[in-house]
Every structure is written in structure tokens, then in C-alpha cells.
Amino acid sequence: MRIIASLAGFEPQIGHRADSLELVQDHIVAGMGVGLLPTDQPTAAGVRLCSLDDPAVYLRARAVSRRGHSSWPPLALALDLLRADLNPGR
């Protein structure tokens, strides 16, 4: 959010951080600010999506695990699902 705001010429005042997209939308609807949301999921009533085309915005994620543990079946499945979601069509 800070980088995108700086590219638009201002510095945002960040008063709250949320790790839940539902909570982000609740804050937006309550008039408490703006947030970055995926465009391929439903939004709450009162939330308006605006496209960020310039510059393009990409999601980056990193998974960290103990050496040798990524072959553990539950973790391997989670990593495969993350890779598929972050790289559609690959």
C-alpha cells in the first residue's frame, strides 16, 4: 500500500493492518479507509473496486519451512496449491 501510494504522490496514514479480507472490507464499508483486494472474489455491499493499471500490481508470496520438510504430504499439498493459485495457467 505504501509503495502504490508513493507512486501516486502521497504517503498513507496506516492506522490498522488486517490479515482477513473480510475485515478489510468491513473497514472500507465503515469508512475507515481503503485496501487492496483481489478482483476475482465477491465484495461486500458498499465496496467499490478500482483497477490499478499503472503500475501493474502483482501478488508475491513466500513460503518458509524447515529444510527437508517440504516433502511432507500436507505441506507439499499446501505449497502446490499456493503455486497453482499464484501462477494460473502454469
C-alpha atoms as a PDB file:
ATOM      1  CA  MET A   1       0.000   0.000   0.000  1.00  0.00           C
ATOM      2  CA  ARG A   2       2.825   2.411   0.858  1.00  0.00           C
ATOM      3  CA  ILE A   3       4.568   1.837  -2.489  1.00  0.00           C
ATOM      4  CA  ILE A   4       1.386   2.288  -4.503  1.00  0.00           C
ATOM      5  CA  ALA A   5       0.528   5.451  -2.572  1.00  0.00           C
ATOM      6  CA  SER A   6       4.033   6.854  -3.047  1.00  0.00           C
ATOM      7  CA  LEU A   7       3.734   6.305  -6.803  1.00  0.00           C
ATOM      8  CA  ALA A   8       0.561   8.399  -6.669  1.00  0.00           C
ATOM      9  CA  GLY A   9       2.429  11.156  -4.808  1.00  0.00           C
ATOM     10  CA  PHE A  10       1.302  10.766  -1.198  1.00  0.00           C
ATOM     11  CA  GLU A  11       2.131   8.843   1.959  1.00  0.00           C
ATOM     12  CA  PRO A  12      -0.790   6.975   3.519  1.00  0.00           C
ATOM     13  CA  GLN A  13      -1.540   7.064   7.222  1.00  0.00           C
ATOM     14  CA  ILE A  14      -1.782   3.407   8.164  1.00  0.00           C
ATOM     15  CA  GLY A  15      -3.664   3.003  11.410  1.00  0.00           C
ATOM     16  CA  HIS A  16      -4.620  -0.639  11.165  1.00  0.00           C
ATOM     17  CA  ARG A  17      -3.416  -3.777   9.405  1.00  0.00           C
ATOM     18  CA  ALA A  18      -5.622  -6.806   8.779  1.00  0.00           C
ATOM     19  CA  ASP A  19      -4.862 -10.312   7.615  1.00  0.00           C
ATOM     20  CA  SER A  20      -8.501 -11.061   6.783  1.00  0.00           C
ATOM     21  CA  LEU A  21     -10.051  -9.843   3.531  1.00  0.00           C
ATOM     22  CA  GLU A  22     -13.455  -9.767   5.226  1.00  0.00           C
ATOM     23  CA  LEU A  23     -12.084  -7.459   7.923  1.00  0.00           C
ATOM     24  CA  VAL A  24     -10.512  -5.206   5.276  1.00  0.00           C
ATOM     25  CA  GLN A  25     -13.894  -4.940   3.541  1.00  0.00           C
ATOM     26  CA  ASP A  26     -15.648  -4.235   6.865  1.00  0.00           C
ATOM     27  CA  HIS A  27     -13.252  -1.323   7.457  1.00  0.00           C
ATOM     28  CA  ILE A  28     -13.843   0.001   3.943  1.00  0.00           C
ATOM     29  CA  VAL A  29     -17.637  -0.143   4.357  1.00  0.00           C
ATOM     30  CA  ALA A  30     -17.318   1.617   7.739  1.00  0.00           C
ATOM     31  CA  GLY A  31     -15.467   4.479   6.015  1.00  0.00           C
ATOM     32  CA  MET A  32     -12.193   3.736   7.777  1.00  0.00           C
ATOM     33  CA  GLY A  33     -10.032   3.736   4.669  1.00  0.00           C
ATOM     34  CA  VAL A  34      -9.059   1.769   1.580  1.00  0.00           C
ATOM     35  CA  GLY A  35      -7.490  -1.613   0.970  1.00  0.00           C
ATOM     36  CA  LEU A  36      -6.015  -3.880  -1.656  1.00  0.00           C
ATOM     37  CA  LEU A  37      -8.376  -6.712  -2.578  1.00  0.00           C
ATOM     38  CA  PRO A  38      -8.321  -9.449  -5.216  1.00  0.00           C
ATOM     39  CA  THR A  39     -10.632  -8.754  -8.149  1.00  0.00           C
ATOM     40  CA  ASP A  40     -11.684 -12.381  -8.650  1.00  0.00           C
ATOM     41  CA  GLN A  41     -13.632 -12.681  -5.392  1.00  0.00           C
ATOM     42  CA  PRO A  42     -17.008 -11.266  -4.331  1.00  0.00           C
ATOM     43  CA  THR A  43     -17.013  -7.973  -2.473  1.00  0.00           C
ATOM     44  CA  ALA A  44     -19.267  -6.733   0.298  1.00  0.00           C
ATOM     45  CA  ALA A  45     -22.078  -4.290  -0.403  1.00  0.00           C
ATOM     46  CA  GLY A  46     -20.597  -0.806  -0.247  1.00  0.00           C
ATOM     47  CA  VAL A  47     -17.156  -1.808  -1.553  1.00  0.00           C
ATOM     48  CA  ARG A  48     -16.183  -0.450  -4.971  1.00  0.00           C
ATOM     49  CA  LEU A  49     -13.232  -1.947  -6.817  1.00  0.00           C
ATOM     50  CA  CYS A  50     -10.934   0.334  -8.785  1.00  0.00           C
ATOM     51  CA  SER A  51      -8.426  -1.119 -11.206  1.00  0.00           C
ATOM     52  CA  LEU A  52      -4.733  -0.480 -10.556  1.00  0.00           C
ATOM     53  CA  ASP A  53      -3.280  -0.481 -14.052  1.00  0.00           C
ATOM     54  CA  ASP A  54      -0.319   1.860 -13.819  1.00  0.00           C
ATOM     55  CA  PRO A  55       1.828   0.427 -12.422  1.00  0.00           C
ATOM     56  CA  ALA A  56       0.540  -3.129 -12.575  1.00  0.00           C
ATOM     57  CA  VAL A  57       0.210  -4.760  -9.154  1.00  0.00           C
ATOM     58  CA  TYR A  58       1.372  -8.339  -8.594  1.00  0.00           C
ATOM     59  CA  LEU A  59       0.990 -10.558  -5.561  1.00  0.00           C
ATOM     60  CA  ARG A  60       4.223 -12.008  -4.234  1.00  0.00           C
ATOM     61  CA  ALA A  61       4.291 -14.696  -1.593  1.00  0.00           C
ATOM     62  CA  ARG A  62       6.989 -16.740   0.073  1.00  0.00           C
ATOM     63  CA  ALA A  63       6.627 -19.971   1.979  1.00  0.00           C
ATOM     64  CA  VAL A  64       9.202 -20.830   4.604  1.00  0.00           C
ATOM     65  CA  SER A  65       9.648 -24.307   6.042  1.00  0.00           C
ATOM     66  CA  ARG A  66      12.344 -26.307   7.735  1.00  0.00           C
ATOM     67  CA  ARG A  67      14.888 -27.911   5.434  1.00  0.00           C
ATOM     68  CA  GLY A  68      13.595 -31.251   4.161  1.00  0.00           C
ATOM     69  CA  HIS A  69      10.031 -30.743   5.410  1.00  0.00           C
ATOM     70  CA  SER A  70       8.520 -29.527   2.133  1.00  0.00           C
ATOM     71  CA  SER A  71       8.043 -33.145   1.027  1.00  0.00           C
ATOM     72  CA  TRP A  72       5.710 -33.838   3.995  1.00  0.00           C
ATOM     73  CA  PRO A  73       2.385 -34.551   2.223  1.00  0.00           C
ATOM     74  CA  PRO A  74       0.191 -31.885   3.925  1.00  0.00           C
ATOM     75  CA  LEU A  75       2.831 -29.186   3.417  1.00  0.00           C
ATOM     76  CA  ALA A  76       3.579 -30.333  -0.141  1.00  0.00           C
ATOM     77  CA  LEU A  77      -0.135 -30.058  -0.958  1.00  0.00           C
ATOM     78  CA  ALA A  78      -0.355 -26.560   0.516  1.00  0.00           C
ATOM     79  CA  LEU A  79       2.724 -25.442  -1.430  1.00  0.00           C
ATOM     80  CA  ASP A  80       1.346 -26.920  -4.661  1.00  0.00           C
ATOM     81  CA  LEU A  81      -1.973 -25.110  -4.137  1.00  0.00           C
ATOM     82  CA  LEU A  82      -0.181 -21.819  -3.480  1.00  0.00           C
ATOM     83  CA  ARG A  83       1.936 -22.232  -6.610  1.00  0.00           C
ATOM     84  CA  ALA A  84      -1.137 -23.028  -8.725  1.00  0.00           C
ATOM     85  CA  ASP A  85      -3.061 -20.041  -7.321  1.00  0.00           C
ATOM     86  CA  LEU A  86      -0.179 -17.605  -7.812  1.00  0.00           C
ATOM     87  CA  ASN A  87       0.702 -18.917 -11.281  1.00  0.00           C
ATOM     88  CA  PRO A  88      -2.576 -19.664 -13.052  1.00  0.00           C
ATOM     89  CA  GLY A  89      -2.094 -21.436 -16.338  1.00  0.00           C
ATOM     90  CA  ARG A  90       1.290 -22.874 -15.379  1.00  0.00           C
END
